[in-house]
Amino acid sequence: MPARRLEDQIRHLCALAAVANDDDAWLYLSELRILLGQHIEHLRMVAAGKLSGTREFLERRDSSQ
């Protein structure tokens, strides 16, 4: 299975957690917490690059989709 974008993984886990029973929800929420931390770190790096002017950020998502 190809690697999914981090934002897509977060959306998918949110959908799973919303319909999960109490026994499974904590698994999804635990994974979601990890992915949100990774996303925050990515956003920090992008912001730092933009503010410092040392790195150009390019969106990887194809805008035609």
N, C-alpha and C. Protein backbone atom coordinates (compact mmCIF):
# COMPACT_ATOMS: atom_id res chain seq x y z
N MET A 1 0.85 -1.18 0.00
CA MET A 1 0.00 0.00 0.00
C MET A 1 0.89 1.24 0.00
N PRO A 2 0.63 2.19 -0.89
CA PRO A 2 1.47 3.39 -0.95
C PRO A 2 1.30 4.24 0.31
N ALA A 3 2.34 4.97 0.64
CA ALA A 3 2.29 5.84 1.81
C ALA A 3 1.26 6.95 1.58
N ARG A 4 0.47 7.20 2.59
CA ARG A 4 -0.55 8.24 2.50
C ARG A 4 -0.02 9.52 3.11
N ARG A 5 -0.54 10.63 2.64
CA ARG A 5 -0.15 11.92 3.21
C ARG A 5 -0.57 11.96 4.67
N LEU A 6 0.19 12.65 5.45
CA LEU A 6 -0.07 12.75 6.88
C LEU A 6 -1.47 13.28 7.16
N GLU A 7 -1.88 14.31 6.43
CA GLU A 7 -3.22 14.87 6.64
C GLU A 7 -4.31 13.86 6.31
N ASP A 8 -4.09 13.05 5.29
CA ASP A 8 -5.06 12.01 4.93
C ASP A 8 -5.14 10.94 6.02
N GLN A 9 -4.00 10.60 6.58
CA GLN A 9 -3.98 9.62 7.68
C GLN A 9 -4.74 10.15 8.89
N ILE A 10 -4.57 11.44 9.18
CA ILE A 10 -5.26 12.06 10.31
C ILE A 10 -6.77 12.03 10.08
N ARG A 11 -7.19 12.41 8.88
CA ARG A 11 -8.63 12.37 8.56
C ARG A 11 -9.19 10.96 8.70
N HIS A 12 -8.45 9.98 8.21
CA HIS A 12 -8.90 8.60 8.27
C HIS A 12 -9.05 8.12 9.72
N LEU A 13 -8.06 8.43 10.55
CA LEU A 13 -8.14 8.03 11.96
C LEU A 13 -9.27 8.75 12.69
N CYS A 14 -9.53 9.99 12.35
CA CYS A 14 -10.66 10.71 12.96
C CYS A 14 -11.97 10.01 12.62
N ALA A 15 -12.11 9.60 11.36
CA ALA A 15 -13.33 8.91 10.95
C ALA A 15 -13.47 7.57 11.67
N LEU A 16 -12.38 6.84 11.80
CA LEU A 16 -12.42 5.56 12.51
C LEU A 16 -12.77 5.75 13.99
N ALA A 17 -12.15 6.75 14.61
CA ALA A 17 -12.39 6.99 16.03
C ALA A 17 -13.84 7.42 16.28
N ALA A 18 -14.42 8.13 15.34
CA ALA A 18 -15.79 8.62 15.52
C ALA A 18 -16.81 7.49 15.59
N VAL A 19 -16.53 6.38 14.91
CA VAL A 19 -17.49 5.27 14.88
C VAL A 19 -17.03 4.06 15.70
N ALA A 20 -15.87 4.16 16.32
CA ALA A 20 -15.32 3.03 17.07
C ALA A 20 -16.05 2.83 18.39
N ASN A 21 -16.03 1.59 18.86
CA ASN A 21 -16.58 1.33 20.19
C ASN A 21 -15.53 1.77 21.22
N ASP A 22 -15.94 1.80 22.47
CA ASP A 22 -15.05 2.30 23.52
C ASP A 22 -13.75 1.51 23.63
N ASP A 23 -13.80 0.22 23.34
CA ASP A 23 -12.60 -0.61 23.46
C ASP A 23 -11.56 -0.28 22.40
N ASP A 24 -12.01 0.10 21.20
CA ASP A 24 -11.08 0.37 20.11
C ASP A 24 -10.73 1.85 19.96
N ALA A 25 -11.57 2.72 20.47
CA ALA A 25 -11.36 4.16 20.27
C ALA A 25 -10.02 4.61 20.82
N TRP A 26 -9.59 4.09 21.95
CA TRP A 26 -8.33 4.55 22.54
C TRP A 26 -7.15 4.22 21.63
N LEU A 27 -7.23 3.13 20.86
CA LEU A 27 -6.15 2.80 19.92
C LEU A 27 -6.06 3.86 18.82
N TYR A 28 -7.21 4.21 18.27
CA TYR A 28 -7.23 5.23 17.22
C TYR A 28 -6.78 6.58 17.75
N LEU A 29 -7.23 6.93 18.92
CA LEU A 29 -6.87 8.23 19.49
C LEU A 29 -5.39 8.29 19.85
N SER A 30 -4.83 7.18 20.27
CA SER A 30 -3.40 7.13 20.57
C SER A 30 -2.58 7.36 19.30
N GLU A 31 -2.95 6.69 18.23
CA GLU A 31 -2.26 6.87 16.95
C GLU A 31 -2.48 8.29 16.43
N LEU A 32 -3.67 8.80 16.61
CA LEU A 32 -3.99 10.16 16.17
C LEU A 32 -3.12 11.18 16.90
N ARG A 33 -2.89 10.98 18.17
CA ARG A 33 -2.03 11.89 18.94
C ARG A 33 -0.61 11.93 18.37
N ILE A 34 -0.09 10.77 17.99
CA ILE A 34 1.25 10.70 17.40
C ILE A 34 1.29 11.44 16.07
N LEU A 35 0.29 11.20 15.22
CA LEU A 35 0.26 11.84 13.91
C LEU A 35 0.09 13.35 14.02
N LEU A 36 -0.73 13.80 14.96
CA LEU A 36 -0.90 15.24 15.16
C LEU A 36 0.41 15.89 15.62
N GLY A 37 1.17 15.19 16.44
CA GLY A 37 2.48 15.70 16.85
C GLY A 37 3.42 15.84 15.67
N GLN A 38 3.39 14.85 14.78
CA GLN A 38 4.22 14.91 13.57
C GLN A 38 3.79 16.06 12.67
N HIS A 39 2.48 16.26 12.57
CA HIS A 39 1.96 17.34 11.73
C HIS A 39 2.36 18.70 12.30
N ILE A 40 2.27 18.86 13.60
CA ILE A 40 2.68 20.11 14.24
C ILE A 40 4.16 20.38 14.00
N GLU A 41 4.98 19.36 14.12
CA GLU A 41 6.41 19.53 13.89
C GLU A 41 6.68 19.94 12.44
N HIS A 42 5.95 19.34 11.51
CA HIS A 42 6.10 19.71 10.10
C HIS A 42 5.72 21.18 9.89
N LEU A 43 4.61 21.60 10.49
CA LEU A 43 4.18 23.00 10.35
C LEU A 43 5.20 23.96 10.95
N ARG A 44 5.81 23.57 12.06
CA ARG A 44 6.86 24.41 12.66
C ARG A 44 8.03 24.59 11.72
N MET A 45 8.43 23.49 11.07
CA MET A 45 9.56 23.55 10.14
C MET A 45 9.22 24.44 8.93
N VAL A 46 8.01 24.30 8.43
CA VAL A 46 7.58 25.12 7.30
C VAL A 46 7.58 26.60 7.69
N ALA A 47 7.02 26.90 8.85
CA ALA A 47 6.96 28.29 9.32
C ALA A 47 8.37 28.85 9.52
N ALA A 48 9.24 28.07 10.12
CA ALA A 48 10.62 28.53 10.34
C ALA A 48 11.32 28.79 9.01
N GLY A 49 11.10 27.93 8.04
CA GLY A 49 11.70 28.13 6.73
C GLY A 49 11.18 29.38 6.05
N LYS A 50 9.90 29.60 6.15
CA LYS A 50 9.31 30.80 5.54
C LYS A 50 9.80 32.07 6.23
N LEU A 51 9.83 32.05 7.55
CA LEU A 51 10.24 33.25 8.29
C LEU A 51 11.71 33.56 8.11
N SER A 52 12.54 32.53 8.01
CA SER A 52 13.97 32.77 7.86
C SER A 52 14.37 33.05 6.42
N GLY A 53 13.51 32.62 5.49
CA GLY A 53 13.81 32.84 4.08
C GLY A 53 14.88 31.91 3.55
N THR A 54 15.26 30.90 4.31
CA THR A 54 16.34 30.01 3.88
C THR A 54 15.83 28.80 3.12
N ARG A 55 14.54 28.56 3.18
CA ARG A 55 14.03 27.35 2.55
C ARG A 55 12.68 27.64 1.91
N GLU A 56 12.53 27.22 0.68
CA GLU A 56 11.26 27.39 -0.02
C GLU A 56 10.41 26.16 0.20
N PHE A 57 9.19 26.34 0.64
CA PHE A 57 8.29 25.23 0.87
C PHE A 57 7.44 25.02 -0.36
N LEU A 58 7.40 23.79 -0.85
CA LEU A 58 6.56 23.44 -1.99
C LEU A 58 5.52 22.43 -1.56
N GLU A 59 4.26 22.69 -1.85
CA GLU A 59 3.19 21.75 -1.52
C GLU A 59 3.33 20.53 -2.42
N ARG A 60 3.28 19.35 -1.81
CA ARG A 60 3.44 18.13 -2.57
C ARG A 60 2.16 17.66 -3.22
N ARG A 61 1.04 18.12 -2.75
CA ARG A 61 -0.25 17.68 -3.31
C ARG A 61 -0.44 18.32 -4.68
N ASP A 62 -0.87 17.53 -5.63
CA ASP A 62 -1.15 18.00 -6.97
C ASP A 62 -2.46 18.80 -6.95
N SER A 63 -2.43 20.04 -7.37
CA SER A 63 -3.61 20.90 -7.30
C SER A 63 -4.68 20.50 -8.32
N SER A 64 -4.37 19.64 -9.27
CA SER A 64 -5.36 19.25 -10.27
C SER A 64 -6.31 18.17 -9.75
N GLN A 65 -6.05 17.62 -8.56
CA GLN A 65 -6.91 16.56 -8.03
C GLN A 65 -8.03 17.10 -7.22
